[in-house]
Amino acid sequence: MNAIVAPLRSLPLPARWAIVGAAAAGVIGAIAGLVIGLHVYAPTAAFAVVELGLPAAIAGGVLGLAAGVIVTAGRRIPGNHKRSP
Protein backbone atom coordinates (compact mmCIF):
# COMPACT_ATOMS: atom_id res chain seq x y z
CA MET A 1 0.00 0.00 0.00
CA ASN A 2 2.84 2.40 0.79
CA ALA A 3 4.26 1.79 -2.68
CA ILE A 4 1.07 3.26 -4.13
CA VAL A 5 0.45 6.06 -1.63
CA ALA A 6 3.99 7.47 -1.44
CA PRO A 7 4.24 8.60 -5.09
CA LEU A 8 0.71 10.05 -4.94
CA ARG A 9 1.58 12.27 -1.99
CA SER A 10 4.33 13.97 -3.97
CA LEU A 11 1.87 15.05 -6.70
CA PRO A 12 -0.11 18.28 -6.62
CA LEU A 13 -3.70 17.93 -5.41
CA PRO A 14 -5.46 18.19 -8.83
CA ALA A 15 -3.22 15.52 -10.36
CA ARG A 16 -3.70 13.27 -7.35
CA TRP A 17 -7.48 13.58 -7.53
CA ALA A 18 -7.41 12.99 -11.30
CA ILE A 19 -5.45 9.76 -10.88
CA VAL A 20 -7.69 8.49 -8.08
CA GLY A 21 -10.83 9.44 -10.03
CA ALA A 22 -9.59 7.75 -13.18
CA ALA A 23 -8.63 4.59 -11.34
CA ALA A 24 -11.89 4.35 -9.40
CA ALA A 25 -14.15 5.05 -12.37
CA GLY A 26 -12.06 2.84 -14.65
CA VAL A 27 -12.35 -0.13 -12.32
CA ILE A 28 -16.09 0.35 -11.94
CA GLY A 29 -16.50 0.70 -15.71
CA ALA A 30 -14.38 -2.37 -16.37
CA ILE A 31 -16.40 -4.47 -13.94
CA ALA A 32 -19.63 -3.24 -15.52
CA GLY A 33 -18.22 -4.02 -18.97
CA LEU A 34 -17.27 -7.52 -17.89
CA VAL A 35 -20.71 -8.25 -16.47
CA ILE A 36 -22.50 -6.81 -19.50
CA GLY A 37 -20.10 -8.51 -21.92
CA LEU A 38 -20.56 -11.90 -20.28
CA HIS A 39 -24.32 -11.47 -20.32
CA VAL A 40 -24.56 -10.39 -23.97
CA TYR A 41 -21.88 -12.49 -25.71
CA ALA A 42 -19.16 -14.15 -23.65
CA PRO A 43 -16.42 -14.49 -26.33
CA THR A 44 -16.24 -10.70 -26.72
CA ALA A 45 -16.42 -9.83 -23.03
CA ALA A 46 -12.82 -8.58 -23.01
CA PHE A 47 -13.70 -5.95 -25.61
CA ALA A 48 -16.67 -4.84 -23.51
CA VAL A 49 -14.32 -4.34 -20.56
CA VAL A 50 -12.21 -1.94 -22.64
CA GLU A 51 -15.23 -0.29 -24.27
CA LEU A 52 -16.72 0.66 -20.90
CA GLY A 53 -13.61 0.86 -18.72
CA LEU A 54 -11.59 3.26 -20.85
CA PRO A 55 -14.27 5.95 -21.28
CA ALA A 56 -15.16 5.64 -17.62
CA ALA A 57 -11.50 6.14 -16.67
CA ILE A 58 -11.26 9.22 -18.88
CA ALA A 59 -14.46 10.68 -17.43
CA GLY A 60 -13.31 9.91 -13.88
CA GLY A 61 -9.98 11.56 -14.54
CA VAL A 62 -11.60 14.70 -15.89
CA LEU A 63 -14.06 14.91 -13.00
CA GLY A 64 -11.29 14.23 -10.48
CA LEU A 65 -9.14 16.94 -12.04
CA ALA A 66 -12.01 19.42 -11.93
CA ALA A 67 -12.72 18.59 -8.29
CA GLY A 68 -9.04 18.92 -7.41
CA VAL A 69 -8.82 22.31 -9.08
CA ILE A 70 -11.92 23.50 -7.24
CA VAL A 71 -10.57 22.34 -3.88
CA THR A 72 -7.17 23.90 -4.56
CA ALA A 73 -8.76 27.20 -5.58
CA GLY A 74 -11.00 27.12 -2.52
CA ARG A 75 -8.02 26.69 -0.24
CA ARG A 76 -6.19 29.63 -1.82
CA ILE A 77 -9.06 32.11 -1.66
CA PRO A 78 -8.80 34.06 1.57
CA GLY A 79 -12.05 34.62 3.34
CA ASN A 80 -13.69 35.12 6.64
CA HIS A 81 -15.12 31.74 7.54
CA LYS A 82 -16.63 32.91 10.83
CA ARG A 83 -20.27 33.87 10.70
CA SER A 84 -21.78 36.22 13.20
CA PRO A 85 -25.34 35.54 14.41
C-alpha atoms as a PDB file:
ATOM      1  CA  MET A   1       0.000   0.000   0.000  1.00  0.00           C
ATOM      2  CA  ASN A   2       2.844   2.399   0.787  1.00  0.00           C
ATOM      3  CA  ALA A   3       4.259   1.793  -2.685  1.00  0.00           C
ATOM      4  CA  ILE A   4       1.065   3.263  -4.129  1.00  0.00           C
ATOM      5  CA  VAL A   5       0.451   6.059  -1.627  1.00  0.00           C
ATOM      6  CA  ALA A   6       3.985   7.467  -1.442  1.00  0.00           C
ATOM      7  CA  PRO A   7       4.236   8.597  -5.091  1.00  0.00           C
ATOM      8  CA  LEU A   8       0.715  10.048  -4.940  1.00  0.00           C
ATOM      9  CA  ARG A   9       1.585  12.275  -1.992  1.00  0.00           C
ATOM     10  CA  SER A  10       4.326  13.967  -3.971  1.00  0.00           C
ATOM     11  CA  LEU A  11       1.871  15.049  -6.696  1.00  0.00           C
ATOM     12  CA  PRO A  12      -0.114  18.279  -6.616  1.00  0.00           C
ATOM     13  CA  LEU A  13      -3.701  17.928  -5.411  1.00  0.00           C
ATOM     14  CA  PRO A  14      -5.463  18.191  -8.828  1.00  0.00           C
ATOM     15  CA  ALA A  15      -3.223  15.522 -10.356  1.00  0.00           C
ATOM     16  CA  ARG A  16      -3.701  13.270  -7.346  1.00  0.00           C
ATOM     17  CA  TRP A  17      -7.479  13.579  -7.533  1.00  0.00           C
ATOM     18  CA  ALA A  18      -7.407  12.990 -11.303  1.00  0.00           C
ATOM     19  CA  ILE A  19      -5.453   9.758 -10.883  1.00  0.00           C
ATOM     20  CA  VAL A  20      -7.688   8.493  -8.083  1.00  0.00           C
ATOM     21  CA  GLY A  21     -10.834   9.441 -10.026  1.00  0.00           C
ATOM     22  CA  ALA A  22      -9.595   7.754 -13.183  1.00  0.00           C
ATOM     23  CA  ALA A  23      -8.628   4.587 -11.343  1.00  0.00           C
ATOM     24  CA  ALA A  24     -11.891   4.350  -9.404  1.00  0.00           C
ATOM     25  CA  ALA A  25     -14.148   5.055 -12.368  1.00  0.00           C
ATOM     26  CA  GLY A  26     -12.059   2.840 -14.649  1.00  0.00           C
ATOM     27  CA  VAL A  27     -12.353  -0.133 -12.317  1.00  0.00           C
ATOM     28  CA  ILE A  28     -16.094   0.348 -11.939  1.00  0.00           C
ATOM     29  CA  GLY A  29     -16.496   0.704 -15.713  1.00  0.00           C
ATOM     30  CA  ALA A  30     -14.380  -2.373 -16.372  1.00  0.00           C
ATOM     31  CA  ILE A  31     -16.402  -4.469 -13.943  1.00  0.00           C
ATOM     32  CA  ALA A  32     -19.630  -3.244 -15.524  1.00  0.00           C
ATOM     33  CA  GLY A  33     -18.220  -4.022 -18.971  1.00  0.00           C
ATOM     34  CA  LEU A  34     -17.266  -7.521 -17.888  1.00  0.00           C
ATOM     35  CA  VAL A  35     -20.715  -8.246 -16.471  1.00  0.00           C
ATOM     36  CA  ILE A  36     -22.502  -6.815 -19.497  1.00  0.00           C
ATOM     37  CA  GLY A  37     -20.101  -8.513 -21.915  1.00  0.00           C
ATOM     38  CA  LEU A  38     -20.560 -11.900 -20.281  1.00  0.00           C
ATOM     39  CA  HIS A  39     -24.317 -11.469 -20.317  1.00  0.00           C
ATOM     40  CA  VAL A  40     -24.556 -10.391 -23.966  1.00  0.00           C
ATOM     41  CA  TYR A  41     -21.884 -12.494 -25.709  1.00  0.00           C
ATOM     42  CA  ALA A  42     -19.157 -14.149 -23.651  1.00  0.00           C
ATOM     43  CA  PRO A  43     -16.420 -14.488 -26.331  1.00  0.00           C
ATOM     44  CA  THR A  44     -16.244 -10.702 -26.721  1.00  0.00           C
ATOM     45  CA  ALA A  45     -16.423  -9.835 -23.027  1.00  0.00           C
ATOM     46  CA  ALA A  46     -12.817  -8.575 -23.007  1.00  0.00           C
ATOM     47  CA  PHE A  47     -13.700  -5.954 -25.606  1.00  0.00           C
ATOM     48  CA  ALA A  48     -16.673  -4.840 -23.512  1.00  0.00           C
ATOM     49  CA  VAL A  49     -14.315  -4.337 -20.560  1.00  0.00           C
ATOM     50  CA  VAL A  50     -12.214  -1.941 -22.637  1.00  0.00           C
ATOM     51  CA  GLU A  51     -15.235  -0.292 -24.267  1.00  0.00           C
ATOM     52  CA  LEU A  52     -16.721   0.656 -20.898  1.00  0.00           C
ATOM     53  CA  GLY A  53     -13.609   0.856 -18.724  1.00  0.00           C
ATOM     54  CA  LEU A  54     -11.590   3.261 -20.853  1.00  0.00           C
ATOM     55  CA  PRO A  55     -14.268   5.947 -21.285  1.00  0.00           C
ATOM     56  CA  ALA A  56     -15.157   5.641 -17.616  1.00  0.00           C
ATOM     57  CA  ALA A  57     -11.503   6.142 -16.669  1.00  0.00           C
ATOM     58  CA  ILE A  58     -11.260   9.221 -18.877  1.00  0.00           C
ATOM     59  CA  ALA A  59     -14.462  10.684 -17.426  1.00  0.00           C
ATOM     60  CA  GLY A  60     -13.315   9.908 -13.880  1.00  0.00           C
ATOM     61  CA  GLY A  61      -9.978  11.560 -14.537  1.00  0.00           C
ATOM     62  CA  VAL A  62     -11.604  14.703 -15.894  1.00  0.00           C
ATOM     63  CA  LEU A  63     -14.060  14.907 -12.998  1.00  0.00           C
ATOM     64  CA  GLY A  64     -11.290  14.231 -10.485  1.00  0.00           C
ATOM     65  CA  LEU A  65      -9.138  16.937 -12.043  1.00  0.00           C
ATOM     66  CA  ALA A  66     -12.008  19.420 -11.928  1.00  0.00           C
ATOM     67  CA  ALA A  67     -12.725  18.586  -8.290  1.00  0.00           C
ATOM     68  CA  GLY A  68      -9.039  18.916  -7.406  1.00  0.00           C
ATOM     69  CA  VAL A  69      -8.820  22.311  -9.081  1.00  0.00           C
ATOM     70  CA  ILE A  70     -11.921  23.503  -7.238  1.00  0.00           C
ATOM     71  CA  VAL A  71     -10.573  22.338  -3.879  1.00  0.00           C
ATOM     72  CA  THR A  72      -7.170  23.904  -4.565  1.00  0.00           C
ATOM     73  CA  ALA A  73      -8.760  27.203  -5.577  1.00  0.00           C
ATOM     74  CA  GLY A  74     -11.004  27.115  -2.520  1.00  0.00           C
ATOM     75  CA  ARG A  75      -8.018  26.690  -0.240  1.00  0.00           C
ATOM     76  CA  ARG A  76      -6.194  29.629  -1.825  1.00  0.00           C
ATOM     77  CA  ILE A  77      -9.063  32.111  -1.659  1.00  0.00           C
ATOM     78  CA  PRO A  78      -8.798  34.063   1.573  1.00  0.00           C
ATOM     79  CA  GLY A  79     -12.050  34.620   3.338  1.00  0.00           C
ATOM     80  CA  ASN A  80     -13.691  35.117   6.640  1.00  0.00           C
ATOM     81  CA  HIS A  81     -15.123  31.737   7.536  1.00  0.00           C
ATOM     82  CA  LYS A  82     -16.633  32.914  10.833  1.00  0.00           C
ATOM     83  CA  ARG A  83     -20.266  33.874  10.705  1.00  0.00           C
ATOM     84  CA  SER A  84     -21.780  36.221  13.202  1.00  0.00           C
ATOM     85  CA  PRO A  85     -25.339  35.535  14.409  1.00  0.00           C
END
